[in-house]
């Protein structure tokens, strides 16, 4: 990581985001079929991570009162959610991203009072959607992505979800979080999922 990484934050927002349950029951009874996490698909015209599925978030602005405020502000700007309905559960340890030079703080939240969400700026987001947690945990939807660059190989977790592929930083955070919560179901870590394009 460079000497001066740029501070950023993402909002990992769980809740019951609509009336549609997951397509399956999770093995862990603690995971309700109604439990969702909020994700967005970045616009394909963006220079950084075009088309990639992500949590709402971005860089800290000078006016932000820390990473929690930044994550909530970015989520409002990107999805239109009302931050007043979000109960912040806490911030996870910062994650350095060597490739982009960011130091990212994941902020966990529970959506006590869901508000309507959608694409606010088509130049930034192509879609805003719920991801049913039980479906993300489905071993049939799990695998790894492989990136080969400059003679090196990078493998990371991936989740297939109704026309979206969750991979990279977002998939890593979900994978670690599901493991720590004890929700992960046995899946085939040798199954390679091709990256789009």
N, C-alpha and C. Protein backbone atom coordinates (compact mmCIF):
# COMPACT_ATOMS: atom_id res chain seq x y z
N UNK A 1 0.86 -1.18 0.00
CA UNK A 1 0.00 0.00 0.00
C UNK A 1 0.89 1.23 0.00
N UNK A 2 0.51 2.23 -0.77
CA UNK A 2 1.28 3.46 -0.84
C UNK A 2 1.33 4.16 0.50
N UNK A 3 2.17 5.19 0.57
CA UNK A 3 2.37 5.91 1.83
C UNK A 3 1.12 6.66 2.27
N UNK A 4 0.27 7.04 1.34
CA UNK A 4 -0.90 7.85 1.69
C UNK A 4 -2.17 7.27 1.07
N UNK A 5 -2.68 6.14 1.62
CA UNK A 5 -3.89 5.56 1.05
C UNK A 5 -5.09 6.49 1.24
N UNK A 6 -6.02 6.41 0.30
CA UNK A 6 -7.22 7.24 0.36
C UNK A 6 -8.29 6.53 1.19
N UNK A 7 -8.84 7.23 2.17
CA UNK A 7 -9.85 6.66 3.06
C UNK A 7 -11.18 6.53 2.33
N UNK A 8 -11.83 5.39 2.50
CA UNK A 8 -13.14 5.13 1.89
C UNK A 8 -13.96 4.29 2.86
N UNK A 9 -15.26 4.21 2.58
CA UNK A 9 -16.15 3.40 3.42
C UNK A 9 -17.25 2.82 2.55
N UNK A 10 -17.72 1.63 2.94
CA UNK A 10 -18.86 1.00 2.27
C UNK A 10 -19.90 0.64 3.33
N UNK A 11 -21.16 0.62 2.91
CA UNK A 11 -22.25 0.25 3.80
C UNK A 11 -22.72 -1.16 3.47
N UNK A 12 -22.58 -2.07 4.43
CA UNK A 12 -23.10 -3.44 4.29
C UNK A 12 -24.43 -3.43 5.04
N UNK A 13 -25.50 -3.25 4.29
CA UNK A 13 -26.82 -3.01 4.89
C UNK A 13 -27.71 -4.24 4.77
N UNK A 14 -28.03 -4.82 5.92
CA UNK A 14 -28.92 -5.97 5.98
C UNK A 14 -30.32 -5.51 6.39
N UNK A 15 -31.31 -6.28 5.99
CA UNK A 15 -32.69 -5.99 6.38
C UNK A 15 -33.65 -6.80 5.54
N UNK A 16 -34.93 -6.55 5.77
CA UNK A 16 -35.99 -7.14 4.94
C UNK A 16 -36.34 -6.05 3.94
N UNK A 17 -35.81 -6.19 2.74
CA UNK A 17 -35.88 -5.09 1.78
C UNK A 17 -37.11 -5.12 0.88
N UNK A 18 -37.81 -6.24 0.84
CA UNK A 18 -39.04 -6.31 0.07
C UNK A 18 -39.85 -7.50 0.57
N UNK A 19 -40.94 -7.80 -0.12
CA UNK A 19 -41.82 -8.88 0.32
C UNK A 19 -41.49 -10.22 -0.33
N UNK A 20 -40.42 -10.26 -1.14
CA UNK A 20 -40.06 -11.49 -1.83
C UNK A 20 -39.03 -12.27 -1.01
N UNK A 21 -39.33 -13.50 -0.61
CA UNK A 21 -38.34 -14.29 0.14
C UNK A 21 -37.29 -14.87 -0.80
N UNK A 22 -36.21 -15.36 -0.20
CA UNK A 22 -35.17 -16.05 -0.97
C UNK A 22 -35.78 -17.27 -1.63
N UNK A 23 -35.11 -17.78 -2.65
CA UNK A 23 -35.61 -18.94 -3.37
C UNK A 23 -35.39 -20.25 -2.65
N UNK A 24 -34.74 -20.22 -1.48
CA UNK A 24 -34.43 -21.44 -0.75
C UNK A 24 -34.29 -21.13 0.73
N UNK A 25 -34.29 -22.19 1.53
CA UNK A 25 -34.01 -22.07 2.96
C UNK A 25 -32.51 -22.23 3.16
N UNK A 26 -31.92 -21.41 4.00
CA UNK A 26 -30.51 -21.58 4.34
C UNK A 26 -30.39 -22.72 5.35
N UNK A 27 -29.22 -23.34 5.41
CA UNK A 27 -29.01 -24.42 6.38
C UNK A 27 -29.07 -23.90 7.80
N UNK A 28 -28.55 -22.68 8.02
CA UNK A 28 -28.55 -22.07 9.35
C UNK A 28 -29.91 -21.42 9.59
N UNK A 29 -30.60 -21.87 10.62
CA UNK A 29 -31.94 -21.35 10.91
C UNK A 29 -31.93 -19.86 11.25
N UNK A 30 -30.76 -19.32 11.61
CA UNK A 30 -30.66 -17.89 11.93
C UNK A 30 -30.83 -17.02 10.69
N UNK A 31 -30.67 -17.62 9.50
CA UNK A 31 -30.79 -16.86 8.26
C UNK A 31 -32.21 -17.02 7.72
N UNK A 32 -33.02 -16.01 7.94
CA UNK A 32 -34.40 -16.02 7.47
C UNK A 32 -34.44 -15.92 5.95
N UNK A 33 -35.47 -16.48 5.34
CA UNK A 33 -35.64 -16.35 3.88
C UNK A 33 -35.89 -14.90 3.49
N UNK A 34 -36.26 -14.06 4.46
CA UNK A 34 -36.54 -12.65 4.19
C UNK A 34 -35.31 -11.75 4.30
N UNK A 35 -34.19 -12.29 4.81
CA UNK A 35 -33.01 -11.46 5.04
C UNK A 35 -32.31 -11.12 3.72
N UNK A 36 -32.09 -9.84 3.50
CA UNK A 36 -31.46 -9.35 2.28
C UNK A 36 -30.25 -8.50 2.63
N UNK A 37 -29.41 -8.25 1.63
CA UNK A 37 -28.34 -7.26 1.73
C UNK A 37 -28.45 -6.37 0.49
N UNK A 38 -28.22 -5.08 0.67
CA UNK A 38 -28.38 -4.11 -0.42
C UNK A 38 -27.10 -4.04 -1.25
N UNK A 39 -27.24 -4.20 -2.57
CA UNK A 39 -26.11 -4.11 -3.49
C UNK A 39 -26.46 -3.20 -4.67
N UNK A 40 -25.44 -2.81 -5.40
CA UNK A 40 -25.67 -2.06 -6.63
C UNK A 40 -24.70 -2.54 -7.69
N UNK A 41 -25.08 -2.34 -8.94
CA UNK A 41 -24.19 -2.63 -10.06
C UNK A 41 -23.68 -1.30 -10.59
N UNK A 42 -22.37 -1.16 -10.63
CA UNK A 42 -21.78 0.09 -11.10
C UNK A 42 -22.02 0.25 -12.60
N UNK A 43 -22.11 1.49 -13.04
CA UNK A 43 -22.32 1.77 -14.46
C UNK A 43 -21.14 1.21 -15.28
N UNK A 44 -21.44 0.71 -16.45
CA UNK A 44 -20.39 0.13 -17.30
C UNK A 44 -19.48 1.20 -17.90
N UNK A 45 -19.87 2.46 -17.80
CA UNK A 45 -19.08 3.55 -18.37
C UNK A 45 -18.05 4.11 -17.39
N UNK A 46 -18.04 3.63 -16.15
CA UNK A 46 -17.10 4.13 -15.15
C UNK A 46 -15.68 3.65 -15.46
N UNK A 47 -14.69 4.46 -15.13
CA UNK A 47 -13.29 4.07 -15.34
C UNK A 47 -12.87 2.98 -14.37
N UNK A 48 -13.26 3.12 -13.11
CA UNK A 48 -12.87 2.15 -12.09
C UNK A 48 -13.98 1.13 -11.86
N UNK A 49 -13.65 -0.13 -11.97
CA UNK A 49 -14.56 -1.25 -11.70
C UNK A 49 -15.90 -1.13 -12.46
N UNK A 50 -15.86 -0.90 -13.78
CA UNK A 50 -17.11 -0.76 -14.53
C UNK A 50 -17.96 -2.03 -14.48
N UNK A 51 -19.24 -1.86 -14.23
CA UNK A 51 -20.20 -2.97 -14.24
C UNK A 51 -20.13 -3.88 -13.04
N UNK A 52 -19.19 -3.65 -12.15
CA UNK A 52 -19.00 -4.56 -11.01
C UNK A 52 -20.08 -4.33 -9.95
N UNK A 53 -20.49 -5.43 -9.30
CA UNK A 53 -21.45 -5.34 -8.20
C UNK A 53 -20.70 -4.89 -6.96
N UNK A 54 -21.31 -3.97 -6.20
CA UNK A 54 -20.63 -3.39 -5.05
C UNK A 54 -21.62 -3.04 -3.95
N UNK A 55 -21.08 -2.79 -2.78
CA UNK A 55 -21.87 -2.17 -1.73
C UNK A 55 -21.89 -0.67 -2.01
N UNK A 56 -22.94 0.04 -1.57
CA UNK A 56 -22.89 1.50 -1.67
C UNK A 56 -21.68 2.01 -0.88
N UNK A 57 -20.99 2.99 -1.42
CA UNK A 57 -19.85 3.54 -0.69
C UNK A 57 -18.94 4.34 -1.59
N UNK A 58 -17.90 4.87 -0.98
CA UNK A 58 -16.94 5.68 -1.72
C UNK A 58 -15.97 6.35 -0.78
N UNK A 59 -15.24 7.32 -1.31
CA UNK A 59 -14.22 8.02 -0.54
C UNK A 59 -14.84 8.93 0.51
N UNK A 60 -14.09 9.11 1.60
CA UNK A 60 -14.49 10.08 2.61
C UNK A 60 -14.28 11.48 2.06
N UNK A 61 -15.27 12.34 2.26
CA UNK A 61 -15.17 13.74 1.89
C UNK A 61 -14.71 14.54 3.11
N UNK A 62 -14.12 15.72 2.89
CA UNK A 62 -13.66 16.53 4.03
C UNK A 62 -14.78 16.84 5.03
N UNK A 63 -16.02 16.94 4.57
CA UNK A 63 -17.13 17.27 5.46
C UNK A 63 -17.70 16.08 6.22
N UNK A 64 -17.24 14.87 5.92
CA UNK A 64 -17.77 13.67 6.58
C UNK A 64 -17.21 13.56 8.00
N UNK A 65 -18.08 13.19 8.92
CA UNK A 65 -17.65 12.97 10.31
C UNK A 65 -17.27 11.50 10.47
N UNK A 66 -16.24 11.07 9.74
CA UNK A 66 -15.75 9.71 9.84
C UNK A 66 -16.36 8.76 8.83
N UNK A 67 -15.93 7.48 8.87
CA UNK A 67 -16.36 6.50 7.88
C UNK A 67 -17.85 6.16 7.94
N UNK A 68 -18.44 6.16 9.12
CA UNK A 68 -19.88 5.84 9.21
C UNK A 68 -20.68 6.89 8.46
N UNK A 69 -20.37 8.16 8.71
CA UNK A 69 -21.08 9.24 8.02
C UNK A 69 -20.86 9.16 6.52
N UNK A 70 -19.64 8.82 6.11
CA UNK A 70 -19.34 8.72 4.68
C UNK A 70 -20.12 7.59 4.04
N UNK A 71 -20.19 6.43 4.70
CA UNK A 71 -20.92 5.29 4.15
C UNK A 71 -22.40 5.61 3.99
N UNK A 72 -22.98 6.27 4.98
CA UNK A 72 -24.41 6.64 4.91
C UNK A 72 -24.65 7.70 3.83
N UNK A 73 -23.76 8.67 3.74
CA UNK A 73 -23.90 9.70 2.70
C UNK A 73 -23.82 9.09 1.31
N UNK A 74 -22.81 8.25 1.10
CA UNK A 74 -22.65 7.61 -0.21
C UNK A 74 -23.86 6.75 -0.55
N UNK A 75 -24.38 6.01 0.44
CA UNK A 75 -25.56 5.16 0.20
C UNK A 75 -26.76 6.01 -0.21
N UNK A 76 -26.93 7.15 0.45
CA UNK A 76 -28.04 8.05 0.08
C UNK A 76 -27.85 8.57 -1.33
N UNK A 77 -26.61 9.00 -1.65
CA UNK A 77 -26.33 9.55 -2.98
C UNK A 77 -26.48 8.51 -4.08
N UNK A 78 -26.12 7.26 -3.80
CA UNK A 78 -26.11 6.22 -4.84
C UNK A 78 -27.42 5.47 -4.97
N UNK A 79 -28.18 5.35 -3.86
CA UNK A 79 -29.39 4.53 -3.90
C UNK A 79 -30.66 5.28 -3.52
N UNK A 80 -30.51 6.47 -2.94
CA UNK A 80 -31.67 7.24 -2.51
C UNK A 80 -32.23 6.83 -1.16
N UNK A 81 -31.57 5.90 -0.46
CA UNK A 81 -32.11 5.46 0.83
C UNK A 81 -32.09 6.60 1.85
N UNK A 82 -33.00 6.52 2.82
CA UNK A 82 -33.06 7.50 3.91
C UNK A 82 -32.20 6.96 5.05
N UNK A 83 -31.05 7.62 5.35
CA UNK A 83 -30.16 7.13 6.40
C UNK A 83 -30.82 7.09 7.78
N UNK A 84 -31.89 7.86 7.98
CA UNK A 84 -32.56 7.87 9.29
C UNK A 84 -33.14 6.50 9.63
N UNK A 85 -33.40 5.68 8.62
CA UNK A 85 -33.96 4.35 8.85
C UNK A 85 -32.92 3.27 9.09
N UNK A 86 -31.64 3.66 9.07
CA UNK A 86 -30.55 2.69 9.22
C UNK A 86 -30.02 2.71 10.65
N UNK A 87 -29.99 1.55 11.28
CA UNK A 87 -29.34 1.41 12.58
C UNK A 87 -27.92 0.92 12.33
N UNK A 88 -26.95 1.74 12.65
CA UNK A 88 -25.55 1.37 12.45
C UNK A 88 -25.13 0.41 13.55
N UNK A 89 -24.67 -0.77 13.15
CA UNK A 89 -24.25 -1.80 14.11
C UNK A 89 -22.79 -1.65 14.49
N UNK A 90 -22.01 -1.01 13.64
CA UNK A 90 -20.60 -0.79 13.93
C UNK A 90 -19.75 -0.86 12.68
N UNK A 91 -18.50 -0.51 12.84
CA UNK A 91 -17.54 -0.55 11.74
C UNK A 91 -16.61 -1.73 11.93
N UNK A 92 -16.29 -2.40 10.84
CA UNK A 92 -15.32 -3.50 10.86
C UNK A 92 -13.92 -2.92 10.68
N UNK A 93 -12.88 -3.70 10.93
CA UNK A 93 -11.52 -3.20 10.71
C UNK A 93 -11.31 -2.76 9.26
N UNK A 94 -10.48 -1.74 9.08
CA UNK A 94 -10.19 -1.22 7.75
C UNK A 94 -9.51 -2.30 6.89
N UNK A 95 -9.84 -2.26 5.60
CA UNK A 95 -9.28 -3.22 4.64
C UNK A 95 -8.46 -2.45 3.61
N UNK A 96 -7.16 -2.73 3.50
CA UNK A 96 -6.35 -2.05 2.49
C UNK A 96 -6.57 -2.66 1.11
N UNK A 97 -6.73 -1.82 0.12
CA UNK A 97 -6.86 -2.27 -1.27
C UNK A 97 -5.63 -1.76 -2.03
N UNK A 98 -4.66 -2.65 -2.18
CA UNK A 98 -3.39 -2.29 -2.83
C UNK A 98 -3.61 -1.73 -4.23
N UNK A 99 -4.46 -2.42 -5.00
CA UNK A 99 -4.60 -2.10 -6.42
C UNK A 99 -5.10 -0.67 -6.64
N UNK A 100 -6.07 -0.24 -5.80
CA UNK A 100 -6.64 1.10 -6.00
C UNK A 100 -6.09 2.13 -5.03
N UNK A 101 -5.29 1.69 -4.04
CA UNK A 101 -4.71 2.63 -3.10
C UNK A 101 -5.70 3.17 -2.08
N UNK A 102 -6.75 2.40 -1.77
CA UNK A 102 -7.75 2.83 -0.79
C UNK A 102 -7.59 2.04 0.51
N UNK A 103 -8.02 2.65 1.59
CA UNK A 103 -8.14 2.00 2.88
C UNK A 103 -9.63 2.08 3.23
N UNK A 104 -10.33 0.93 3.13
CA UNK A 104 -11.79 0.92 3.18
C UNK A 104 -12.29 0.45 4.55
N UNK A 105 -13.22 1.20 5.11
CA UNK A 105 -13.88 0.81 6.35
C UNK A 105 -15.26 0.25 6.00
N UNK A 106 -15.50 -1.04 6.22
CA UNK A 106 -16.85 -1.59 6.04
C UNK A 106 -17.72 -1.22 7.25
N UNK A 107 -18.89 -0.68 6.99
CA UNK A 107 -19.82 -0.28 8.04
C UNK A 107 -21.04 -1.20 7.98
N UNK A 108 -21.32 -1.88 9.08
CA UNK A 108 -22.47 -2.79 9.14
C UNK A 108 -23.71 -2.04 9.59
N UNK A 109 -24.82 -2.29 8.90
CA UNK A 109 -26.06 -1.64 9.28
C UNK A 109 -27.25 -2.57 9.18
N UNK A 110 -28.29 -2.24 9.95
CA UNK A 110 -29.58 -2.94 9.90
C UNK A 110 -30.62 -1.92 9.46
N UNK A 111 -31.40 -2.29 8.45
CA UNK A 111 -32.39 -1.36 7.90
C UNK A 111 -33.69 -1.48 8.69
N UNK A 112 -33.77 -0.70 9.79
CA UNK A 112 -34.96 -0.74 10.66
C UNK A 112 -36.21 -0.29 9.92
N UNK A 113 -36.08 0.79 9.18
CA UNK A 113 -37.21 1.37 8.45
C UNK A 113 -36.81 1.55 7.00
N UNK A 114 -36.99 0.50 6.17
CA UNK A 114 -36.60 0.60 4.76
C UNK A 114 -37.32 1.74 4.05
N UNK A 115 -36.60 2.39 3.18
CA UNK A 115 -37.15 3.44 2.33
C UNK A 115 -36.95 3.01 0.88
N UNK A 116 -37.68 3.63 -0.04
CA UNK A 116 -37.50 3.25 -1.44
C UNK A 116 -36.06 3.51 -1.89
N UNK A 117 -35.54 2.60 -2.73
CA UNK A 117 -34.19 2.76 -3.29
C UNK A 117 -34.25 2.49 -4.79
N UNK A 118 -33.28 3.01 -5.47
CA UNK A 118 -33.17 2.81 -6.91
C UNK A 118 -31.95 3.55 -7.42
N UNK A 119 -31.76 3.50 -8.71
CA UNK A 119 -30.63 4.20 -9.32
C UNK A 119 -30.89 5.70 -9.24
N UNK A 120 -29.95 6.42 -8.65
CA UNK A 120 -30.07 7.87 -8.52
C UNK A 120 -29.39 8.56 -9.69
N UNK A 121 -28.22 8.06 -10.09
CA UNK A 121 -27.44 8.66 -11.18
C UNK A 121 -26.98 7.54 -12.11
N UNK A 122 -27.53 7.52 -13.33
CA UNK A 122 -27.18 6.44 -14.27
C UNK A 122 -25.72 6.50 -14.69
N UNK A 123 -25.05 7.62 -14.47
CA UNK A 123 -23.62 7.70 -14.79
C UNK A 123 -22.80 6.93 -13.76
N UNK A 124 -23.40 6.63 -12.59
CA UNK A 124 -22.68 5.91 -11.54
C UNK A 124 -23.16 4.48 -11.35
N UNK A 125 -24.47 4.26 -11.45
CA UNK A 125 -25.04 2.93 -11.16
C UNK A 125 -25.95 2.48 -12.27
N UNK A 126 -25.88 1.17 -12.57
CA UNK A 126 -26.78 0.58 -13.56
C UNK A 126 -27.99 -0.06 -12.90
N UNK A 127 -27.84 -0.49 -11.64
CA UNK A 127 -28.94 -1.15 -10.93
C UNK A 127 -28.68 -1.05 -9.43
N UNK A 128 -29.77 -1.01 -8.67
CA UNK A 128 -29.74 -1.11 -7.21
C UNK A 128 -30.69 -2.25 -6.88
N UNK A 129 -30.22 -3.24 -6.10
CA UNK A 129 -31.07 -4.41 -5.90
C UNK A 129 -30.82 -5.08 -4.56
N UNK A 130 -31.79 -5.86 -4.14
CA UNK A 130 -31.68 -6.68 -2.94
C UNK A 130 -31.00 -7.98 -3.32
N UNK A 131 -30.22 -8.51 -2.42
CA UNK A 131 -29.62 -9.81 -2.62
C UNK A 131 -30.03 -10.69 -1.45
N UNK A 132 -30.90 -11.68 -1.68
CA UNK A 132 -31.32 -12.55 -0.58
C UNK A 132 -30.12 -13.33 -0.04
N UNK A 133 -29.88 -13.22 1.24
CA UNK A 133 -28.70 -13.85 1.85
C UNK A 133 -28.74 -15.37 1.67
N UNK A 134 -29.92 -15.99 1.86
CA UNK A 134 -30.01 -17.45 1.71
C UNK A 134 -29.63 -17.89 0.30
N UNK A 135 -29.94 -17.06 -0.71
CA UNK A 135 -29.54 -17.39 -2.07
C UNK A 135 -28.03 -17.23 -2.26
N UNK A 136 -27.45 -16.20 -1.65
CA UNK A 136 -26.00 -16.01 -1.74
C UNK A 136 -25.26 -17.18 -1.09
N UNK A 137 -25.85 -17.78 -0.05
CA UNK A 137 -25.22 -18.90 0.65
C UNK A 137 -25.37 -20.23 -0.09
N UNK A 138 -26.22 -20.27 -1.10
CA UNK A 138 -26.48 -21.49 -1.85
C UNK A 138 -25.19 -21.99 -2.51
N UNK A 139 -24.72 -23.20 -2.15
CA UNK A 139 -23.47 -23.72 -2.73
C UNK A 139 -23.49 -23.78 -4.25
N UNK A 140 -24.68 -23.92 -4.86
CA UNK A 140 -24.77 -23.98 -6.32
C UNK A 140 -24.49 -22.62 -6.97
N UNK A 141 -24.54 -21.56 -6.18
CA UNK A 141 -24.31 -20.21 -6.70
C UNK A 141 -22.90 -19.70 -6.37
N UNK A 142 -22.08 -20.55 -5.73
CA UNK A 142 -20.77 -20.12 -5.27
C UNK A 142 -19.67 -20.69 -6.14
N UNK A 143 -18.56 -20.01 -6.16
CA UNK A 143 -17.39 -20.44 -6.90
C UNK A 143 -16.27 -19.45 -6.69
N UNK A 144 -15.30 -19.51 -7.57
CA UNK A 144 -14.18 -18.57 -7.51
C UNK A 144 -14.01 -17.93 -8.88
N UNK A 145 -13.49 -16.71 -8.86
CA UNK A 145 -13.07 -16.06 -10.09
C UNK A 145 -11.56 -16.09 -10.12
N UNK A 146 -11.00 -16.11 -11.31
CA UNK A 146 -9.55 -16.16 -11.48
C UNK A 146 -9.14 -15.00 -12.37
N UNK A 147 -8.17 -14.23 -11.88
CA UNK A 147 -7.60 -13.13 -12.67
C UNK A 147 -6.11 -13.41 -12.83
N UNK A 148 -5.66 -13.37 -14.08
CA UNK A 148 -4.23 -13.53 -14.35
C UNK A 148 -3.71 -12.21 -14.90
N UNK A 149 -2.70 -11.67 -14.22
CA UNK A 149 -2.16 -10.37 -14.61
C UNK A 149 -0.67 -10.34 -14.29
N UNK A 150 0.13 -9.92 -15.27
CA UNK A 150 1.58 -9.77 -15.07
C UNK A 150 2.23 -11.05 -14.52
N UNK A 151 1.80 -12.19 -15.04
CA UNK A 151 2.39 -13.46 -14.64
C UNK A 151 1.94 -13.96 -13.28
N UNK A 152 0.98 -13.29 -12.67
CA UNK A 152 0.47 -13.72 -11.37
C UNK A 152 -1.00 -14.11 -11.50
N UNK A 153 -1.43 -14.93 -10.55
CA UNK A 153 -2.83 -15.38 -10.56
C UNK A 153 -3.48 -14.99 -9.24
N UNK A 154 -4.69 -14.44 -9.33
CA UNK A 154 -5.47 -14.05 -8.16
C UNK A 154 -6.79 -14.83 -8.19
N UNK A 155 -7.11 -15.50 -7.10
CA UNK A 155 -8.37 -16.23 -6.99
C UNK A 155 -9.18 -15.62 -5.86
N UNK A 156 -10.45 -15.45 -6.09
CA UNK A 156 -11.30 -14.89 -5.05
C UNK A 156 -12.69 -15.48 -5.11
N UNK A 157 -13.44 -15.38 -4.02
CA UNK A 157 -14.79 -15.93 -3.98
C UNK A 157 -15.73 -15.18 -4.93
N UNK A 158 -16.78 -15.88 -5.34
CA UNK A 158 -17.78 -15.27 -6.22
C UNK A 158 -19.15 -15.86 -5.90
N UNK A 159 -20.16 -15.06 -6.16
CA UNK A 159 -21.56 -15.45 -5.95
C UNK A 159 -22.34 -15.10 -7.21
N UNK A 160 -23.11 -16.06 -7.75
CA UNK A 160 -23.97 -15.80 -8.90
C UNK A 160 -25.37 -15.51 -8.37
N UNK A 161 -25.95 -14.43 -8.85
CA UNK A 161 -27.26 -14.03 -8.32
C UNK A 161 -28.11 -13.41 -9.42
N UNK A 162 -28.99 -14.19 -10.02
CA UNK A 162 -29.99 -13.69 -10.95
C UNK A 162 -29.47 -12.62 -11.91
N UNK A 163 -28.51 -13.00 -12.73
CA UNK A 163 -27.99 -12.08 -13.73
C UNK A 163 -26.85 -11.20 -13.26
N UNK A 164 -26.49 -11.30 -12.00
CA UNK A 164 -25.37 -10.52 -11.46
C UNK A 164 -24.30 -11.48 -10.95
N UNK A 165 -23.05 -11.07 -11.11
CA UNK A 165 -21.93 -11.81 -10.54
C UNK A 165 -21.29 -10.92 -9.48
N UNK A 166 -21.29 -11.40 -8.25
CA UNK A 166 -20.66 -10.66 -7.15
C UNK A 166 -19.27 -11.25 -6.98
N UNK A 167 -18.24 -10.43 -7.19
CA UNK A 167 -16.87 -10.91 -7.10
C UNK A 167 -15.99 -9.78 -6.56
N UNK A 168 -14.69 -10.02 -6.50
CA UNK A 168 -13.77 -8.99 -6.06
C UNK A 168 -13.96 -8.62 -4.59
N UNK A 169 -13.75 -7.35 -4.28
CA UNK A 169 -13.78 -6.86 -2.92
C UNK A 169 -15.12 -7.15 -2.23
N UNK A 170 -16.23 -6.94 -2.94
CA UNK A 170 -17.55 -7.16 -2.35
C UNK A 170 -17.73 -8.63 -1.97
N UNK A 171 -17.34 -9.54 -2.86
CA UNK A 171 -17.46 -10.97 -2.57
C UNK A 171 -16.56 -11.38 -1.41
N UNK A 172 -15.37 -10.79 -1.34
CA UNK A 172 -14.46 -11.12 -0.24
C UNK A 172 -15.08 -10.71 1.09
N UNK A 173 -15.64 -9.51 1.16
CA UNK A 173 -16.28 -9.07 2.40
C UNK A 173 -17.45 -9.97 2.78
N UNK A 174 -18.29 -10.33 1.81
CA UNK A 174 -19.41 -11.22 2.11
C UNK A 174 -18.92 -12.58 2.58
N UNK A 175 -17.91 -13.11 1.90
CA UNK A 175 -17.37 -14.43 2.24
C UNK A 175 -16.84 -14.44 3.68
N UNK A 176 -16.04 -13.45 4.03
CA UNK A 176 -15.48 -13.37 5.38
C UNK A 176 -16.59 -13.18 6.42
N UNK A 177 -17.53 -12.31 6.13
CA UNK A 177 -18.63 -12.05 7.06
C UNK A 177 -19.48 -13.31 7.28
N UNK A 178 -19.82 -14.00 6.19
CA UNK A 178 -20.61 -15.24 6.32
C UNK A 178 -19.85 -16.29 7.13
N UNK A 179 -18.53 -16.39 6.90
CA UNK A 179 -17.72 -17.33 7.68
C UNK A 179 -17.74 -16.98 9.16
N UNK A 180 -17.52 -15.72 9.47
CA UNK A 180 -17.46 -15.29 10.88
C UNK A 180 -18.80 -15.47 11.59
N UNK A 181 -19.89 -15.31 10.86
CA UNK A 181 -21.22 -15.49 11.45
C UNK A 181 -21.61 -16.96 11.54
N UNK A 182 -20.82 -17.84 10.93
CA UNK A 182 -21.12 -19.27 10.94
C UNK A 182 -22.23 -19.66 9.97
N UNK A 183 -22.47 -18.82 8.96
CA UNK A 183 -23.55 -19.07 8.01
C UNK A 183 -23.10 -19.85 6.78
N UNK A 184 -21.81 -19.88 6.50
CA UNK A 184 -21.31 -20.48 5.26
C UNK A 184 -21.69 -21.94 5.16
N UNK A 185 -22.18 -22.33 3.99
CA UNK A 185 -22.50 -23.72 3.69
C UNK A 185 -21.36 -24.28 2.83
N UNK A 186 -21.10 -25.56 2.94
CA UNK A 186 -20.01 -26.18 2.20
C UNK A 186 -20.21 -25.97 0.70
N UNK A 187 -19.17 -25.44 0.03
CA UNK A 187 -19.27 -25.18 -1.41
C UNK A 187 -17.97 -25.58 -2.08
N UNK A 188 -18.01 -25.72 -3.39
CA UNK A 188 -16.87 -26.21 -4.17
C UNK A 188 -15.92 -25.06 -4.51
N UNK A 189 -14.82 -24.95 -3.77
CA UNK A 189 -13.85 -23.88 -3.98
C UNK A 189 -13.01 -24.09 -5.24
N UNK A 190 -13.24 -25.19 -5.96
CA UNK A 190 -12.53 -25.44 -7.23
C UNK A 190 -13.38 -25.01 -8.43
N UNK A 191 -14.64 -24.69 -8.17
CA UNK A 191 -15.55 -24.29 -9.27
C UNK A 191 -15.21 -22.87 -9.73
N UNK A 192 -14.76 -22.74 -10.97
CA UNK A 192 -14.37 -21.45 -11.50
C UNK A 192 -15.55 -20.83 -12.26
N UNK A 193 -15.83 -19.59 -11.92
CA UNK A 193 -16.89 -18.83 -12.61
C UNK A 193 -16.20 -17.76 -13.46
N UNK A 194 -16.51 -17.76 -14.74
CA UNK A 194 -15.87 -16.80 -15.66
C UNK A 194 -16.35 -15.38 -15.37
N UNK A 195 -15.42 -14.46 -15.44
CA UNK A 195 -15.78 -13.05 -15.26
C UNK A 195 -16.49 -12.55 -16.52
N UNK A 196 -17.42 -11.60 -16.36
CA UNK A 196 -18.09 -11.06 -17.53
C UNK A 196 -17.11 -10.34 -18.46
N UNK A 197 -17.38 -10.44 -19.75
CA UNK A 197 -16.57 -9.73 -20.74
C UNK A 197 -15.20 -10.30 -20.88
